Amino acid sequence: MVHHPRFHFHFVPTSSSWLIQVERWFKEITDQRIRGEAYRSELELIGAVKLYIERYNKVPTPFIWRATADGILS
């Protein structure tokens, strides 16, 4: 593995369901706010993400885990 000062690998167990929830959150932002838009700058993109988070936090809804252990293992 090539060493790069900006990147650090962190290995977590595959059973880390919290990580799946984090990935799901980023999918929500991507699908509902980022994809399909054109941003003229990084600051404009950051502003759009912050606005999405502000609006989401006004009426937050939890992610509900619906997968079963059998379904995941198969």
N, C-alpha and C. Protein backbone atom coordinates (compact mmCIF):
# COMPACT_ATOMS: atom_id res chain seq x y z
N MET A 1 0.85 -1.17 0.00
CA MET A 1 0.00 0.00 0.00
C MET A 1 0.90 1.24 0.00
N VAL A 2 0.59 2.15 -0.88
CA VAL A 2 1.37 3.38 -1.00
C VAL A 2 0.92 4.35 0.10
N HIS A 3 1.88 4.95 0.77
CA HIS A 3 1.56 5.90 1.84
C HIS A 3 1.22 7.26 1.23
N HIS A 4 0.13 7.83 1.69
CA HIS A 4 -0.27 9.15 1.26
C HIS A 4 -0.65 9.94 2.51
N PRO A 5 -0.05 11.10 2.74
CA PRO A 5 -0.27 11.82 4.00
C PRO A 5 -1.70 12.29 4.24
N ARG A 6 -2.50 12.45 3.19
CA ARG A 6 -3.87 12.93 3.38
C ARG A 6 -4.87 11.83 3.66
N PHE A 7 -4.51 10.60 3.41
CA PHE A 7 -5.46 9.51 3.52
C PHE A 7 -5.00 8.51 4.57
N HIS A 8 -5.94 8.10 5.40
CA HIS A 8 -5.65 7.11 6.44
C HIS A 8 -6.74 6.04 6.38
N PHE A 9 -6.33 4.80 6.33
CA PHE A 9 -7.29 3.71 6.29
C PHE A 9 -7.74 3.37 7.70
N HIS A 10 -9.05 3.20 7.84
CA HIS A 10 -9.64 2.79 9.10
C HIS A 10 -10.49 1.57 8.81
N PHE A 11 -10.15 0.47 9.43
CA PHE A 11 -10.89 -0.76 9.20
C PHE A 11 -11.90 -0.97 10.32
N VAL A 12 -13.15 -1.16 9.93
CA VAL A 12 -14.21 -1.40 10.91
C VAL A 12 -14.82 -2.76 10.62
N PRO A 13 -15.38 -3.38 11.61
CA PRO A 13 -16.01 -4.69 11.38
C PRO A 13 -17.16 -4.57 10.38
N THR A 14 -17.34 -5.62 9.58
CA THR A 14 -18.43 -5.60 8.60
C THR A 14 -19.79 -5.59 9.28
N SER A 15 -19.82 -5.90 10.55
CA SER A 15 -21.10 -5.90 11.27
C SER A 15 -21.44 -4.53 11.85
N SER A 16 -20.74 -3.51 11.46
CA SER A 16 -20.97 -2.16 12.00
C SER A 16 -22.21 -1.55 11.35
N SER A 17 -23.36 -1.82 11.92
CA SER A 17 -24.60 -1.33 11.32
C SER A 17 -24.67 0.19 11.32
N TRP A 18 -23.99 0.85 12.26
CA TRP A 18 -23.99 2.31 12.29
C TRP A 18 -23.36 2.87 11.02
N LEU A 19 -22.36 2.16 10.48
CA LEU A 19 -21.70 2.63 9.27
C LEU A 19 -22.66 2.57 8.09
N ILE A 20 -23.48 1.56 8.05
CA ILE A 20 -24.48 1.44 7.00
C ILE A 20 -25.45 2.61 7.08
N GLN A 21 -25.81 3.02 8.29
CA GLN A 21 -26.72 4.16 8.46
C GLN A 21 -26.07 5.46 7.97
N VAL A 22 -24.79 5.61 8.21
CA VAL A 22 -24.07 6.80 7.73
C VAL A 22 -24.07 6.80 6.20
N GLU A 23 -23.77 5.65 5.60
CA GLU A 23 -23.79 5.55 4.14
C GLU A 23 -25.18 5.87 3.59
N ARG A 24 -26.21 5.41 4.28
CA ARG A 24 -27.59 5.66 3.86
C ARG A 24 -27.90 7.16 3.91
N TRP A 25 -27.39 7.84 4.94
CA TRP A 25 -27.60 9.29 5.06
C TRP A 25 -26.98 10.02 3.88
N PHE A 26 -25.76 9.63 3.50
CA PHE A 26 -25.11 10.28 2.36
C PHE A 26 -25.85 9.98 1.06
N LYS A 27 -26.45 8.80 0.95
CA LYS A 27 -27.26 8.48 -0.22
C LYS A 27 -28.48 9.40 -0.29
N GLU A 28 -29.11 9.67 0.86
CA GLU A 28 -30.26 10.58 0.89
C GLU A 28 -29.88 11.97 0.38
N ILE A 29 -28.78 12.50 0.89
CA ILE A 29 -28.34 13.84 0.46
C ILE A 29 -28.04 13.83 -1.04
N THR A 30 -27.36 12.78 -1.49
CA THR A 30 -27.01 12.69 -2.91
C THR A 30 -28.25 12.63 -3.77
N ASP A 31 -29.19 11.74 -3.42
CA ASP A 31 -30.39 11.56 -4.24
C ASP A 31 -31.31 12.77 -4.20
N GLN A 32 -31.48 13.37 -3.04
CA GLN A 32 -32.48 14.42 -2.89
C GLN A 32 -31.96 15.83 -3.12
N ARG A 33 -30.65 16.02 -3.08
CA ARG A 33 -30.15 17.40 -3.19
C ARG A 33 -29.03 17.58 -4.20
N ILE A 34 -28.11 16.65 -4.29
CA ILE A 34 -26.91 16.88 -5.09
C ILE A 34 -27.06 16.41 -6.53
N ARG A 35 -27.51 15.18 -6.72
CA ARG A 35 -27.59 14.61 -8.07
C ARG A 35 -28.56 15.40 -8.94
N GLY A 36 -28.14 15.64 -10.16
CA GLY A 36 -28.99 16.35 -11.11
C GLY A 36 -28.86 17.86 -11.05
N GLU A 37 -28.06 18.36 -10.14
CA GLU A 37 -27.86 19.80 -10.03
C GLU A 37 -26.49 20.18 -10.59
N ALA A 38 -26.34 21.43 -10.96
CA ALA A 38 -25.06 21.95 -11.41
C ALA A 38 -24.65 23.05 -10.44
N TYR A 39 -23.51 22.88 -9.82
CA TYR A 39 -23.00 23.87 -8.87
C TYR A 39 -21.80 24.57 -9.49
N ARG A 40 -21.79 25.87 -9.38
CA ARG A 40 -20.72 26.66 -10.00
C ARG A 40 -19.46 26.72 -9.16
N SER A 41 -19.56 26.34 -7.88
CA SER A 41 -18.39 26.38 -7.02
C SER A 41 -18.58 25.41 -5.86
N GLU A 42 -17.48 25.14 -5.19
CA GLU A 42 -17.53 24.29 -4.00
C GLU A 42 -18.38 24.94 -2.91
N LEU A 43 -18.27 26.25 -2.77
CA LEU A 43 -19.06 26.96 -1.76
C LEU A 43 -20.56 26.85 -2.04
N GLU A 44 -20.94 26.88 -3.30
CA GLU A 44 -22.35 26.73 -3.65
C GLU A 44 -22.85 25.32 -3.29
N LEU A 45 -22.04 24.31 -3.52
CA LEU A 45 -22.38 22.94 -3.15
C LEU A 45 -22.50 22.80 -1.63
N ILE A 46 -21.55 23.36 -0.91
CA ILE A 46 -21.59 23.30 0.56
C ILE A 46 -22.85 23.99 1.07
N GLY A 47 -23.20 25.12 0.50
CA GLY A 47 -24.41 25.83 0.90
C GLY A 47 -25.66 24.99 0.66
N ALA A 48 -25.71 24.29 -0.47
CA ALA A 48 -26.86 23.44 -0.78
C ALA A 48 -26.99 22.30 0.22
N VAL A 49 -25.87 21.70 0.59
CA VAL A 49 -25.89 20.60 1.56
C VAL A 49 -26.31 21.12 2.93
N LYS A 50 -25.78 22.27 3.33
CA LYS A 50 -26.17 22.84 4.63
C LYS A 50 -27.65 23.18 4.67
N LEU A 51 -28.17 23.71 3.60
CA LEU A 51 -29.60 24.03 3.53
C LEU A 51 -30.44 22.76 3.63
N TYR A 52 -30.02 21.70 2.95
CA TYR A 52 -30.73 20.43 3.03
C TYR A 52 -30.75 19.93 4.48
N ILE A 53 -29.62 19.99 5.15
CA ILE A 53 -29.53 19.52 6.53
C ILE A 53 -30.42 20.36 7.44
N GLU A 54 -30.41 21.67 7.28
CA GLU A 54 -31.27 22.54 8.09
C GLU A 54 -32.74 22.17 7.91
N ARG A 55 -33.16 21.98 6.67
CA ARG A 55 -34.56 21.64 6.40
C ARG A 55 -34.90 20.25 6.94
N TYR A 56 -33.99 19.31 6.78
CA TYR A 56 -34.21 17.95 7.27
C TYR A 56 -34.34 17.95 8.80
N ASN A 57 -33.51 18.71 9.46
CA ASN A 57 -33.51 18.73 10.92
C ASN A 57 -34.76 19.38 11.52
N LYS A 58 -35.50 20.15 10.73
CA LYS A 58 -36.74 20.74 11.23
C LYS A 58 -37.80 19.66 11.46
N VAL A 59 -37.81 18.64 10.63
CA VAL A 59 -38.75 17.52 10.76
C VAL A 59 -37.97 16.23 10.53
N PRO A 60 -37.11 15.86 11.46
CA PRO A 60 -36.28 14.68 11.24
C PRO A 60 -37.10 13.38 11.32
N THR A 61 -36.70 12.44 10.51
CA THR A 61 -37.31 11.12 10.56
C THR A 61 -36.19 10.09 10.70
N PRO A 62 -36.36 9.13 11.59
CA PRO A 62 -35.29 8.15 11.78
C PRO A 62 -35.25 7.15 10.63
N PHE A 63 -34.08 6.61 10.40
CA PHE A 63 -33.96 5.50 9.47
C PHE A 63 -34.40 4.25 10.22
N ILE A 64 -35.25 3.47 9.61
CA ILE A 64 -35.74 2.26 10.25
C ILE A 64 -35.09 1.06 9.59
N TRP A 65 -34.44 0.25 10.42
CA TRP A 65 -33.75 -0.93 9.92
C TRP A 65 -34.77 -2.01 9.63
N ARG A 66 -34.87 -2.41 8.36
CA ARG A 66 -35.87 -3.40 7.97
C ARG A 66 -35.24 -4.72 7.53
N ALA A 67 -33.95 -4.74 7.39
CA ALA A 67 -33.28 -5.96 6.94
C ALA A 67 -33.25 -6.99 8.06
N THR A 68 -33.40 -8.24 7.68
CA THR A 68 -33.28 -9.32 8.66
C THR A 68 -31.88 -9.91 8.57
N ALA A 69 -31.46 -10.55 9.63
CA ALA A 69 -30.14 -11.18 9.63
C ALA A 69 -30.06 -12.24 8.53
N ASP A 70 -31.12 -13.02 8.35
CA ASP A 70 -31.13 -14.05 7.29
C ASP A 70 -31.00 -13.44 5.91
N GLY A 71 -31.69 -12.33 5.70
CA GLY A 71 -31.61 -11.67 4.40
C GLY A 71 -30.22 -11.11 4.13
N ILE A 72 -29.60 -10.57 5.14
CA ILE A 72 -28.25 -10.01 4.98
C ILE A 72 -27.24 -11.13 4.69
N LEU A 73 -27.35 -12.22 5.42
CA LEU A 73 -26.41 -13.33 5.25
C LEU A 73 -26.57 -14.06 3.94
N SER A 74 -27.78 -14.02 3.37
CA SER A 74 -27.97 -14.69 2.08
C SER A 74 -27.55 -13.77 0.97
